C-alpha cells in the first residue's frame, strides 16, 4: 500500500472513531460523517436543534490530496489534538500540514509547510 492510500485509510479510521464517540446515543449531538475517498476529504459536522437554537457547522476537516499525499488539517474543533493522534500512529511531522495556521506561521510549528 502506498503512502497516499495509507494516509487516507488512517485519517478515515480516526474520523470514524471520533464520529462514533461524538455520536453516542447518550449525548445530544447529531454528528454527520462526510467522507470522500476519491478526492481525499474527511469531515465531521454538527447538525442539531436545541430548543430554538440551531447548531450547525464543520468541527473537523482533514484532507489528503493526491498531489501531495500529505495530511492537511484544515480545521480541528475537537477536544483532541488530531496532529498528535497522527504522530502516535506513525505519521511523520513532514507529512502533516497544519492548514488551519497561516502559511507564514507554519515553519515555526515543525510540521510540513505545504
PDB file of N, CA and C in Angstrom:
ATOM      1  N   UNK A   1       0.839  -1.169   0.000  1.00  0.00           N
ATOM      2  CA  UNK A   1       0.000   0.000   0.000  1.00  0.00           C
ATOM      3  C   UNK A   1       0.891   1.243   0.000  1.00  0.00           C
ATOM      4  N   UNK A   2       0.609   2.174  -0.895  1.00  0.00           N
ATOM      5  CA  UNK A   2       1.425   3.381  -0.974  1.00  0.00           C
ATOM      6  C   UNK A   2       1.052   4.376   0.125  1.00  0.00           C
ATOM      7  N   UNK A   3       1.862   5.411   0.262  1.00  0.00           N
ATOM      8  CA  UNK A   3       1.683   6.389   1.332  1.00  0.00           C
ATOM      9  C   UNK A   3       0.326   7.080   1.253  1.00  0.00           C
ATOM     10  N   UNK A   4      -0.117   7.473   0.063  1.00  0.00           N
ATOM     11  CA  UNK A   4      -1.402   8.151  -0.100  1.00  0.00           C
ATOM     12  C   UNK A   4      -2.537   7.281   0.426  1.00  0.00           C
ATOM     13  N   UNK A   5      -2.555   6.018   0.031  1.00  0.00           N
ATOM     14  CA  UNK A   5      -3.606   5.099   0.478  1.00  0.00           C
ATOM     15  C   UNK A   5      -3.542   4.883   1.988  1.00  0.00           C
ATOM     16  N   UNK A   6      -2.328   4.760   2.543  1.00  0.00           N
ATOM     17  CA  UNK A   6      -2.176   4.588   3.998  1.00  0.00           C
ATOM     18  C   UNK A   6      -2.703   5.806   4.750  1.00  0.00           C
ATOM     19  N   UNK A   7      -2.347   6.994   4.262  1.00  0.00           N
ATOM     20  CA  UNK A   7      -2.799   8.214   4.922  1.00  0.00           C
ATOM     21  C   UNK A   7      -4.320   8.337   4.870  1.00  0.00           C
ATOM     22  N   UNK A   8      -4.924   8.060   3.721  1.00  0.00           N
ATOM     23  CA  UNK A   8      -6.382   8.119   3.609  1.00  0.00           C
ATOM     24  C   UNK A   8      -7.044   7.122   4.559  1.00  0.00           C
ATOM     25  N   UNK A   9      -6.505   5.914   4.603  1.00  0.00           N
ATOM     26  CA  UNK A   9      -7.073   4.880   5.461  1.00  0.00           C
ATOM     27  C   UNK A   9      -6.980   5.284   6.938  1.00  0.00           C
ATOM     28  N   UNK A  10      -5.843   5.802   7.356  1.00  0.00           N
ATOM     29  CA  UNK A  10      -5.657   6.208   8.743  1.00  0.00           C
ATOM     30  C   UNK A  10      -6.569   7.377   9.112  1.00  0.00           C
ATOM     31  N   UNK A  11      -6.631   8.387   8.257  1.00  0.00           N
ATOM     32  CA  UNK A  11      -7.474   9.550   8.526  1.00  0.00           C
ATOM     33  C   UNK A  11      -8.939   9.119   8.617  1.00  0.00           C
ATOM     34  N   UNK A  12      -9.374   8.283   7.697  1.00  0.00           N
ATOM     35  CA  UNK A  12     -10.764   7.818   7.723  1.00  0.00           C
ATOM     36  C   UNK A  12     -11.051   7.062   9.022  1.00  0.00           C
ATOM     37  N   UNK A  13     -10.127   6.230   9.443  1.00  0.00           N
ATOM     38  CA  UNK A  13     -10.291   5.468  10.685  1.00  0.00           C
ATOM     39  C   UNK A  13     -10.421   6.408  11.886  1.00  0.00           C
ATOM     40  N   UNK A  14      -9.557   7.406  11.969  1.00  0.00           N
ATOM     41  CA  UNK A  14      -9.590   8.354  13.088  1.00  0.00           C
ATOM     42  C   UNK A  14     -10.898   9.142  13.095  1.00  0.00           C
ATOM     43  N   UNK A  15     -11.314   9.620  11.927  1.00  0.00           N
ATOM     44  CA  UNK A  15     -12.548  10.405  11.838  1.00  0.00           C
ATOM     45  C   UNK A  15     -13.755   9.542  12.203  1.00  0.00           C
ATOM     46  N   UNK A  16     -13.765   8.303  11.757  1.00  0.00           N
ATOM     47  CA  UNK A  16     -14.867   7.396  12.104  1.00  0.00           C
ATOM     48  C   UNK A  16     -14.910   7.122  13.612  1.00  0.00           C
ATOM     49  N   UNK A  17     -13.738   6.972  14.237  1.00  0.00           N
ATOM     50  CA  UNK A  17     -13.683   6.758  15.693  1.00  0.00           C
ATOM     51  C   UNK A  17     -14.238   7.969  16.438  1.00  0.00           C
ATOM     52  N   UNK A  18     -13.869   9.160  16.001  1.00  0.00           N
ATOM     53  CA  UNK A  18     -14.365  10.375  16.652  1.00  0.00           C
ATOM     54  C   UNK A  18     -15.873  10.491  16.455  1.00  0.00           C
ATOM     55  N   UNK A  19     -16.343  10.182  15.253  1.00  0.00           N
ATOM     56  CA  UNK A  19     -17.790  10.238  14.983  1.00  0.00           C
ATOM     57  C   UNK A  19     -18.544   9.270  15.884  1.00  0.00           C
ATOM     58  N   UNK A  20     -17.984   8.089  16.105  1.00  0.00           N
ATOM     59  CA  UNK A  20     -18.646   7.098  16.962  1.00  0.00           C
ATOM     60  C   UNK A  20     -18.719   7.575  18.405  1.00  0.00           C
ATOM     61  N   UNK A  21     -17.661   8.234  18.868  1.00  0.00           N
ATOM     62  CA  UNK A  21     -17.655   8.756  20.235  1.00  0.00           C
ATOM     63  C   UNK A  21     -18.617   9.931  20.359  1.00  0.00           C
ATOM     64  N   UNK A  22     -18.517  10.885  19.438  1.00  0.00           N
ATOM     65  CA  UNK A  22     -19.344  12.088  19.497  1.00  0.00           C
ATOM     66  C   UNK A  22     -20.821  11.789  19.241  1.00  0.00           C
ATOM     67  N   UNK A  23     -21.085  10.796  18.410  1.00  0.00           N
ATOM     68  CA  UNK A  23     -22.463  10.460  18.055  1.00  0.00           C
ATOM     69  C   UNK A  23     -23.086   9.433  18.988  1.00  0.00           C
ATOM     70  N   UNK A  24     -22.489   9.231  20.135  1.00  0.00           N
ATOM     71  CA  UNK A  24     -23.000   8.293  21.131  1.00  0.00           C
ATOM     72  C   UNK A  24     -24.446   8.643  21.480  1.00  0.00           C
ATOM     73  N   UNK A  25     -25.344   7.655  21.522  1.00  0.00           N
ATOM     74  CA  UNK A  25     -26.753   7.924  21.835  1.00  0.00           C
ATOM     75  C   UNK A  25     -26.964   8.598  23.192  1.00  0.00           C
ATOM     76  N   UNK A  26     -25.990   8.506  24.080  1.00  0.00           N
ATOM     77  CA  UNK A  26     -26.114   9.145  25.394  1.00  0.00           C
ATOM     78  C   UNK A  26     -25.820  10.643  25.344  1.00  0.00           C
ATOM     79  N   UNK A  27     -25.382  11.153  24.198  1.00  0.00           N
ATOM     80  CA  UNK A  27     -25.148  12.586  24.046  1.00  0.00           C
ATOM     81  C   UNK A  27     -26.279  13.187  23.227  1.00  0.00           C
ATOM     82  N   UNK A  28     -26.375  14.476  23.245  1.00  0.00           N
ATOM     83  CA  UNK A  28     -27.431  15.147  22.475  1.00  0.00           C
ATOM     84  C   UNK A  28     -26.924  15.610  21.112  1.00  0.00           C
ATOM     85  N   UNK A  29     -25.748  15.177  20.727  1.00  0.00           N
ATOM     86  CA  UNK A  29     -25.158  15.617  19.464  1.00  0.00           C
ATOM     87  C   UNK A  29     -25.690  14.811  18.285  1.00  0.00           C
ATOM     88  N   UNK A  30     -25.858  15.479  17.178  1.00  0.00           N
ATOM     89  CA  UNK A  30     -26.205  14.818  15.927  1.00  0.00           C
ATOM     90  C   UNK A  30     -25.020  15.044  14.986  1.00  0.00           C
ATOM     91  N   UNK A  31     -24.137  14.062  14.939  1.00  0.00           N
ATOM     92  CA  UNK A  31     -22.907  14.182  14.169  1.00  0.00           C
ATOM     93  C   UNK A  31     -23.091  13.548  12.795  1.00  0.00           C
ATOM     94  N   UNK A  32     -22.662  14.273  11.772  1.00  0.00           N
ATOM     95  CA  UNK A  32     -22.707  13.754  10.414  1.00  0.00           C
ATOM     96  C   UNK A  32     -21.285  13.568   9.918  1.00  0.00           C
ATOM     97  N   UNK A  33     -20.995  12.352   9.505  1.00  0.00           N
ATOM     98  CA  UNK A  33     -19.690  11.992   8.960  1.00  0.00           C
ATOM     99  C   UNK A  33     -19.759  12.093   7.448  1.00  0.00           C
ATOM    100  N   UNK A  34     -18.837  12.842   6.874  1.00  0.00           N
ATOM    101  CA  UNK A  34     -18.789  13.010   5.424  1.00  0.00           C
ATOM    102  C   UNK A  34     -17.410  12.577   4.961  1.00  0.00           C
ATOM    103  N   UNK A  35     -17.360  11.553   4.113  1.00  0.00           N
ATOM    104  CA  UNK A  35     -16.078  11.087   3.590  1.00  0.00           C
ATOM    105  C   UNK A  35     -16.113  11.077   2.072  1.00  0.00           C
ATOM    106  N   UNK A  36     -15.023  11.463   1.486  1.00  0.00           N
ATOM    107  CA  UNK A  36     -14.858  11.455   0.037  1.00  0.00           C
ATOM    108  C   UNK A  36     -13.477  10.870  -0.244  1.00  0.00           C
ATOM    109  N   UNK A  37     -13.421   9.547  -0.345  1.00  0.00           N
ATOM    110  CA  UNK A  37     -12.148   8.871  -0.571  1.00  0.00           C
ATOM    111  C   UNK A  37     -11.519   9.253  -1.908  1.00  0.00           C
ATOM    112  N   UNK A  38     -12.351   9.465  -2.906  1.00  0.00           N
ATOM    113  CA  UNK A  38     -11.832   9.784  -4.235  1.00  0.00           C
ATOM    114  C   UNK A  38     -11.039  11.090  -4.234  1.00  0.00           C
ATOM    115  N   UNK A  39     -11.555  12.102  -3.551  1.00  0.00           N
ATOM    116  CA  UNK A  39     -10.897  13.402  -3.519  1.00  0.00           C
ATOM    117  C   UNK A  39     -10.131  13.657  -2.223  1.00  0.00           C
ATOM    118  N   UNK A  40     -10.219  12.746  -1.277  1.00  0.00           N
ATOM    119  CA  UNK A  40      -9.432  12.828  -0.051  1.00  0.00           C
ATOM    120  C   UNK A  40      -9.909  13.842   0.966  1.00  0.00           C
ATOM    121  N   UNK A  41     -11.227  13.928   1.184  1.00  0.00           N
ATOM    122  CA  UNK A  41     -11.761  14.837   2.196  1.00  0.00           C
ATOM    123  C   UNK A  41     -12.543  14.052   3.235  1.00  0.00           C
ATOM    124  N   UNK A  42     -12.334  14.424   4.514  1.00  0.00           N
ATOM    125  CA  UNK A  42     -12.967  13.736   5.638  1.00  0.00           C
ATOM    126  C   UNK A  42     -13.439  14.809   6.613  1.00  0.00           C
ATOM    127  N   UNK A  43     -14.764  14.860   6.841  1.00  0.00           N
ATOM    128  CA  UNK A  43     -15.338  15.925   7.643  1.00  0.00           C
ATOM    129  C   UNK A  43     -16.310  15.380   8.681  1.00  0.00           C
ATOM    130  N   UNK A  44     -16.421  16.114   9.775  1.00  0.00           N
ATOM    131  CA  UNK A  44     -17.452  15.861  10.773  1.00  0.00           C
ATOM    132  C   UNK A  44     -18.238  17.159  10.953  1.00  0.00           C
ATOM    133  N   UNK A  45     -19.559  17.023  10.873  1.00  0.00           N
ATOM    134  CA  UNK A  45     -20.460  18.152  11.023  1.00  0.00           C
ATOM    135  C   UNK A  45     -21.382  17.929  12.212  1.00  0.00           C
ATOM    136  N   UNK A  46     -21.707  19.019  12.884  1.00  0.00           N
ATOM    137  CA  UNK A  46     -22.719  19.026  13.918  1.00  0.00           C
ATOM    138  C   UNK A  46     -23.978  19.596  13.275  1.00  0.00           C
ATOM    139  N   UNK A  47     -25.110  18.913  13.409  1.00  0.00           N
ATOM    140  CA  UNK A  47     -26.351  19.369  12.805  1.00  0.00           C
ATOM    141  C   UNK A  47     -27.491  19.040  13.752  1.00  0.00           C
ATOM    142  N   UNK A  48     -27.898  20.046  14.541  1.00  0.00           N
ATOM    143  CA  UNK A  48     -28.945  19.776  15.524  1.00  0.00           C
ATOM    144  C   UNK A  48     -29.665  21.058  15.941  1.00  0.00           C
ATOM    145  N   UNK A  49     -30.791  20.860  16.554  1.00  0.00           N
ATOM    146  CA  UNK A  49     -31.553  21.940  17.173  1.00  0.00           C
ATOM    147  C   UNK A  49     -31.616  21.680  18.664  1.00  0.00           C
ATOM    148  N   UNK A  50     -31.456  22.730  19.457  1.00  0.00           N
ATOM    149  CA  UNK A  50     -31.701  22.694  20.897  1.00  0.00           C
ATOM    150  C   UNK A  50     -32.673  23.820  21.170  1.00  0.00           C
ATOM    151  N   UNK A  51     -33.898  23.419  21.447  1.00  0.00           N
ATOM    152  CA  UNK A  51     -34.995  24.376  21.608  1.00  0.00           C
ATOM    153  C   UNK A  51     -35.073  25.238  20.359  1.00  0.00           C
ATOM    154  N   UNK A  52     -34.867  26.532  20.479  1.00  0.00           N
ATOM    155  CA  UNK A  52     -34.999  27.426  19.325  1.00  0.00           C
ATOM    156  C   UNK A  52     -33.671  27.748  18.643  1.00  0.00           C
ATOM    157  N   UNK A  53     -32.610  27.114  19.071  1.00  0.00           N
ATOM    158  CA  UNK A  53     -31.290  27.440  18.527  1.00  0.00           C
ATOM    159  C   UNK A  53     -30.752  26.293  17.677  1.00  0.00           C
ATOM    160  N   UNK A  54     -30.227  26.622  16.518  1.00  0.00           N
ATOM    161  CA  UNK A  54     -29.642  25.624  15.628  1.00  0.00           C
ATOM    162  C   UNK A  54     -28.135  25.623  15.795  1.00  0.00           C
ATOM    163  N   UNK A  55     -27.582  24.428  15.896  1.00  0.00           N
ATOM    164  CA  UNK A  55     -26.135  24.222  15.958  1.00  0.00           C
ATOM    165  C   UNK A  55     -25.751  23.484  14.684  1.00  0.00           C
ATOM    166  N   UNK A  56     -25.016  24.159  13.831  1.00  0.00           N
ATOM    167  CA  UNK A  56     -24.659  23.570  12.545  1.00  0.00           C
ATOM    168  C   UNK A  56     -23.269  24.039  12.160  1.00  0.00           C
ATOM    169  N   UNK A  57     -22.457  23.109  11.742  1.00  0.00           N
ATOM    170  CA  UNK A  57     -21.156  23.503  11.226  1.00  0.00           C
ATOM    171  C   UNK A  57     -20.138  22.388  11.303  1.00  0.00           C
ATOM    172  N   UNK A  58     -19.101  22.590  10.552  1.00  0.00           N
ATOM    173  CA  UNK A  58     -17.996  21.646  10.490  1.00  0.00           C
ATOM    174  C   UNK A  58     -17.113  21.826  11.714  1.00  0.00           C
ATOM    175  N   UNK A  59     -16.812  20.724  12.404  1.00  0.00           N
ATOM    176  CA  UNK A  59     -15.870  20.834  13.516  1.00  0.00           C
ATOM    177  C   UNK A  59     -14.614  20.009  13.293  1.00  0.00           C
ATOM    178  N   UNK A  60     -14.538  19.299  12.164  1.00  0.00           N
ATOM    179  CA  UNK A  60     -13.299  18.605  11.804  1.00  0.00           C
ATOM    180  C   UNK A  60     -13.249  18.453  10.290  1.00  0.00           C
ATOM    181  N   UNK A  61     -12.152  18.906   9.683  1.00  0.00           N
ATOM    182  CA  UNK A  61     -11.953  18.743   8.239  1.00  0.00           C
ATOM    183  C   UNK A  61     -10.484  18.409   8.004  1.00  0.00           C
ATOM    184  N   UNK A  62     -10.275  17.229   7.446  1.00  0.00           N
ATOM    185  CA  UNK A  62      -8.936  16.773   7.114  1.00  0.00           C
ATOM    186  C   UNK A  62      -8.926  16.401   5.635  1.00  0.00           C
ATOM    187  N   UNK A  63      -7.904  16.829   4.942  1.00  0.00           N
ATOM    188  CA  UNK A  63      -7.757  16.495   3.533  1.00  0.00           C
ATOM    189  C   UNK A  63      -6.483  15.705   3.297  1.00  0.00           C
ATOM    190  N   UNK A  64      -6.560  14.798   2.323  1.00  0.00           N
ATOM    191  CA  UNK A  64      -5.377  14.044   1.892  1.00  0.00           C
ATOM    192  C   UNK A  64      -5.361  14.119   0.365  1.00  0.00           C
ATOM    193  N   UNK A  65      -4.873  15.246  -0.181  1.00  0.00           N
ATOM    194  CA  UNK A  65      -4.883  15.412  -1.627  1.00  0.00           C
ATOM    195  C   UNK A  65      -3.855  14.518  -2.322  1.00  0.00           C
ATOM    196  N   UNK A  66      -4.244  14.046  -3.480  1.00  0.00           N
ATOM    197  CA  UNK A  66      -3.386  13.120  -4.227  1.00  0.00           C
ATOM    198  C   UNK A  66      -2.093  13.778  -4.691  1.00  0.00           C
ATOM    199  N   UNK A  67      -2.117  15.102  -4.922  1.00  0.00           N
ATOM    200  CA  UNK A  67      -0.922  15.751  -5.460  1.00  0.00           C
ATOM    201  C   UNK A  67       0.223  15.847  -4.455  1.00  0.00           C
ATOM    202  N   UNK A  68      -0.087  15.841  -3.146  1.00  0.00           N
ATOM    203  CA  UNK A  68       0.992  15.897  -2.156  1.00  0.00           C
ATOM    204  C   UNK A  68       1.082  14.617  -1.338  1.00  0.00           C
ATOM    205  N   UNK A  69      -0.056  13.962  -1.119  1.00  0.00           N
ATOM    206  CA  UNK A  69      -0.075  12.768  -0.281  1.00  0.00           C
ATOM    207  C   UNK A  69       0.057  13.084   1.198  1.00  0.00           C
ATOM    208  N   UNK A  70       0.209  14.363   1.510  1.00  0.00           N
ATOM    209  CA  UNK A  70       0.317  14.789   2.904  1.00  0.00           C
ATOM    210  C   UNK A  70      -1.075  14.923   3.509  1.00  0.00           C
ATOM    211  N   UNK A  71      -1.118  14.941   4.822  1.00  0.00           N
ATOM    212  CA  UNK A  71      -2.376  15.089   5.545  1.00  0.00           C
ATOM    213  C   UNK A  71      -2.513  16.560   5.927  1.00  0.00           C
ATOM    214  N   UNK A  72      -3.574  17.193   5.436  1.00  0.00           N
ATOM    215  CA  UNK A  72      -3.831  18.611   5.676  1.00  0.00           C
ATOM    216  C   UNK A  72      -4.944  18.739   6.710  1.00  0.00           C
ATOM    217  N   UNK A  73      -4.624  19.277   7.865  1.00  0.00           N
ATOM    218  CA  UNK A  73      -5.638  19.503   8.898  1.00  0.00           C
ATOM    219  C   UNK A  73      -6.178  20.920   8.681  1.00  0.00           C
ATOM    220  N   UNK A  74      -7.340  20.996   8.018  1.00  0.00           N
ATOM    221  CA  UNK A  74      -7.939  22.283   7.677  1.00  0.00           C
ATOM    222  C   UNK A  74      -8.658  22.908   8.869  1.00  0.00           C
ATOM    223  N   UNK A  75      -9.283  22.067   9.685  1.00  0.00           N
ATOM    224  CA  UNK A  75      -9.994  22.570  10.866  1.00  0.00           C
ATOM    225  C   UNK A  75     -10.060  21.458  11.897  1.00  0.00           C
ATOM    226  N   UNK A  76      -9.682  21.768  13.121  1.00  0.00           N
ATOM    227  CA  UNK A  76      -9.757  20.796  14.212  1.00  0.00           C
ATOM    228  C   UNK A  76     -10.462  21.451  15.389  1.00  0.00           C
ATOM    229  N   UNK A  77     -11.765  21.250  15.445  1.00  0.00           N
ATOM    230  CA  UNK A  77     -12.565  21.786  16.535  1.00  0.00           C
ATOM    231  C   UNK A  77     -12.894  20.730  17.566  1.00  0.00           C
ATOM    232  N   UNK A  78     -12.122  19.667  17.599  1.00  0.00           N
ATOM    233  CA  UNK A  78     -12.347  18.610  18.582  1.00  0.00           C
ATOM    234  C   UNK A  78     -11.578  18.941  19.853  1.00  0.00           C
ATOM    235  N   UNK A  79     -11.864  18.205  20.911  1.00  0.00           N
ATOM    236  CA  UNK A  79     -11.072  18.391  22.130  1.00  0.00           C
ATOM    237  C   UNK A  79      -9.826  17.510  22.103  1.00  0.00           C
ATOM    238  N   UNK A  80      -9.653  16.791  20.996  1.00  0.00           N
ATOM    239  CA  UNK A  80      -8.434  16.011  20.772  1.00  0.00           C
ATOM    240  C   UNK A  80      -7.470  16.870  19.970  1.00  0.00           C
ATOM    241  N   UNK A  81      -6.253  16.474  19.914  1.00  0.00           N
ATOM    242  CA  UNK A  81      -5.302  17.137  19.026  1.00  0.00           C
ATOM    243  C   UNK A  81      -5.012  16.134  17.914  1.00  0.00           C
ATOM    244  N   UNK A  82      -5.650  16.350  16.773  1.00  0.00           N
ATOM    245  CA  UNK A  82      -5.587  15.395  15.671  1.00  0.00           C
ATOM    246  C   UNK A  82      -4.150  15.171  15.213  1.00  0.00           C
ATOM    247  N   UNK A  83      -3.346  16.222  15.167  1.00  0.00           N
ATOM    248  CA  UNK A  83      -1.945  16.062  14.755  1.00  0.00           C
ATOM    249  C   UNK A  83      -1.223  15.085  15.683  1.00  0.00           C
ATOM    250  N   UNK A  84      -1.497  15.155  16.971  1.00  0.00           N
ATOM    251  CA  UNK A  84      -0.867  14.233  17.929  1.00  0.00           C
ATOM    252  C   UNK A  84      -1.321  12.793  17.682  1.00  0.00           C
ATOM    253  N   UNK A  85      -2.614  12.617  17.377  1.00  0.00           N
ATOM    254  CA  UNK A  85      -3.105  11.268  17.073  1.00  0.00           C
ATOM    255  C   UNK A  85      -2.414  10.703  15.845  1.00  0.00           C
ATOM    256  N   UNK A  86      -2.181  11.543  14.851  1.00  0.00           N
ATOM    257  CA  UNK A  86      -1.492  11.098  13.641  1.00  0.00           C
ATOM    258  C   UNK A  86      -0.052  10.704  13.957  1.00  0.00           C
ATOM    259  N   UNK A  87       0.628  11.520  14.760  1.00  0.00           N
ATOM    260  CA  UNK A  87       2.003  11.205  15.148  1.00  0.00           C
ATOM    261  C   UNK A  87       2.060   9.889  15.926  1.00  0.00           C
ATOM    262  N   UNK A  88       1.115   9.674  16.819  1.00  0.00           N
ATOM    263  CA  UNK A  88       1.054   8.425  17.596  1.00  0.00           C
ATOM    264  C   UNK A  88       0.871   7.209  16.694  1.00  0.00           C
ATOM    265  N   UNK A  89       0.271   7.435  15.519  1.00  0.00           N
ATOM    266  CA  UNK A  89       0.040   6.348  14.572  1.00  0.00           C
ATOM    267  C   UNK A  89       1.124   6.247  13.508  1.00  0.00           C
ATOM    268  N   UNK A  90       2.265   6.884  13.747  1.00  0.00           N
ATOM    269  CA  UNK A  90       3.419   6.694  12.875  1.00  0.00           C
ATOM    270  C   UNK A  90       3.567   7.662  11.717  1.00  0.00           C
ATOM    271  N   UNK A  91       2.720   8.679  11.628  1.00  0.00           N
ATOM    272  CA  UNK A  91       2.856   9.668  10.559  1.00  0.00           C
ATOM    273  C   UNK A  91       3.929  10.668  10.980  1.00  0.00           C
ATOM    274  N   UNK A  92       4.846  10.988  10.072  1.00  0.00           N
ATOM    275  CA  UNK A  92       5.917  11.935  10.405  1.00  0.00           C
ATOM    276  C   UNK A  92       5.391  13.369  10.339  1.00  0.00           C
ATOM    277  N   UNK A  93       6.060  14.258  11.058  1.00  0.00           N
ATOM    278  CA  UNK A  93       5.680  15.673  11.041  1.00  0.00           C
ATOM    279  C   UNK A  93       5.755  16.256   9.637  1.00  0.00           C
ATOM    280  N   UNK A  94       6.671  15.741   8.820  1.00  0.00           N
ATOM    281  CA  UNK A  94       6.819  16.250   7.455  1.00  0.00           C
ATOM    282  C   UNK A  94       5.687  15.814   6.525  1.00  0.00           C
ATOM    283  N   UNK A  95       4.803  14.935   7.011  1.00  0.00           N
ATOM    284  CA  UNK A  95       3.650  14.506   6.225  1.00  0.00           C
ATOM    285  C   UNK A  95       2.349  15.101   6.736  1.00  0.00           C
ATOM    286  N   UNK A  96       2.450  16.056   7.689  1.00  0.00           N
ATOM    287  CA  UNK A  96       1.263  16.691   8.262  1.00  0.00           C
ATOM    288  C   UNK A  96       1.375  18.200   8.055  1.00  0.00           C
ATOM    289  N   UNK A  97       0.344  18.788   7.469  1.00  0.00           N
ATOM    290  CA  UNK A  97       0.290  20.234   7.276  1.00  0.00           C
ATOM    291  C   UNK A  97      -0.798  20.786   8.190  1.00  0.00           C
ATOM    292  N   UNK A  98      -0.428  21.722   9.035  1.00  0.00           N
ATOM    293  CA  UNK A  98      -1.412  22.390   9.896  1.00  0.00           C
ATOM    294  C   UNK A  98      -2.030  23.525   9.081  1.00  0.00           C
ATOM    295  N   UNK A  99      -2.951  23.154   8.191  1.00  0.00           N
ATOM    296  CA  UNK A  99      -3.511  24.092   7.217  1.00  0.00           C
ATOM    297  C   UNK A  99      -4.407  25.146   7.855  1.00  0.00           C
ATOM    298  N   UNK A 100      -4.802  24.936   9.094  1.00  0.00           N
ATOM    299  CA  UNK A 100      -5.603  25.948   9.787  1.00  0.00           C
ATOM    300  C   UNK A 100      -4.724  27.097  10.296  1.00  0.00           C
ATOM    301  N   UNK A 101      -3.427  26.965  10.144  1.00  0.00           N
ATOM    302  CA  UNK A 101      -2.486  28.031  10.517  1.00  0.00           C
ATOM    303  C   UNK A 101      -2.046  28.768   9.253  1.00  0.00           C
ATOM    304  N   UNK A 102      -1.763  30.029   9.400  1.00  0.00           N
ATOM    305  CA  UNK A 102      -1.286  30.838   8.281  1.00  0.00           C
ATOM    306  C   UNK A 102       0.007  30.235   7.720  1.00  0.00           C
ATOM    307  N   UNK A 103       0.179  30.230   6.396  1.00  0.00           N
ATOM    308  CA  UNK A 103       1.430  29.723   5.816  1.00  0.00           C
ATOM    309  C   UNK A 103       2.672  30.415   6.385  1.00  0.00           C
ATOM    310  N   UNK A 104       2.539  31.653   6.798  1.00  0.00           N
ATOM    311  CA  UNK A 104       3.672  32.388   7.373  1.00  0.00           C
ATOM    312  C   UNK A 104       4.074  31.790   8.718  1.00  0.00           C
ATOM    313  N   UNK A 105       3.119  31.251   9.461  1.00  0.00           N
ATOM    314  CA  UNK A 105       3.391  30.711  10.794  1.00  0.00           C
ATOM    315  C   UNK A 105       3.802  29.234  10.775  1.00  0.00           C
ATOM    316  N   UNK A 106       3.542  28.544   9.682  1.00  0.00           N
ATOM    317  CA  UNK A 106       3.794  27.100   9.629  1.00  0.00           C
ATOM    318  C   UNK A 106       5.250  26.686   9.843  1.00  0.00           C
ATOM    319  N   UNK A 107       6.233  27.441   9.361  1.00  0.00           N
ATOM    320  CA  UNK A 107       7.626  26.982   9.583  1.00  0.00           C
ATOM    321  C   UNK A 107       7.978  26.837  11.055  1.00  0.00           C
ATOM    322  N   UNK A 108       7.351  27.612  11.912  1.00  0.00           N
ATOM    323  CA  UNK A 108       7.657  27.567  13.352  1.00  0.00           C
ATOM    324  C   UNK A 108       7.036  26.360  14.068  1.00  0.00           C
ATOM    325  N   UNK A 109       6.155  25.620  13.383  1.00  0.00           N
ATOM    326  CA  UNK A 109       5.448  24.506  14.027  1.00  0.00           C
ATOM    327  C   UNK A 109       6.249  23.210  14.028  1.00  0.00           C
ATOM    328  N   UNK A 110       7.196  23.070  13.106  1.00  0.00           N
ATOM    329  CA  UNK A 110       7.925  21.814  12.975  1.00  0.00           C
ATOM    330  C   UNK A 110       7.227  20.829  12.062  1.00  0.00           C
ATOM    331  N   UNK A 111       6.009  21.195  11.614  1.00  0.00           N
ATOM    332  CA  UNK A 111       5.272  20.347  10.684  1.00  0.00           C
ATOM    333  C   UNK A 111       5.538  20.832   9.266  1.00  0.00           C
ATOM    334  N   UNK A 112       5.011  20.118   8.275  1.00  0.00           N
ATOM    335  CA  UNK A 112       5.204  20.495   6.880  1.00  0.00           C
ATOM    336  C   UNK A 112       4.589  21.869   6.613  1.00  0.00           C
ATOM    337  N   UNK A 113       5.152  22.569   5.660  1.00  0.00           N
ATOM    338  CA  UNK A 113       4.665  23.903   5.310  1.00  0.00           C
ATOM    339  C   UNK A 113       3.545  23.809   4.287  1.00  0.00           C
ATOM    340  N   UNK A 114       3.698  22.920   3.318  1.00  0.00           N
ATOM    341  CA  UNK A 114       2.674  22.743   2.281  1.00  0.00           C
ATOM    342  C   UNK A 114       2.816  21.382   1.640  1.00  0.00           C
TER     343      UNK A 114
END
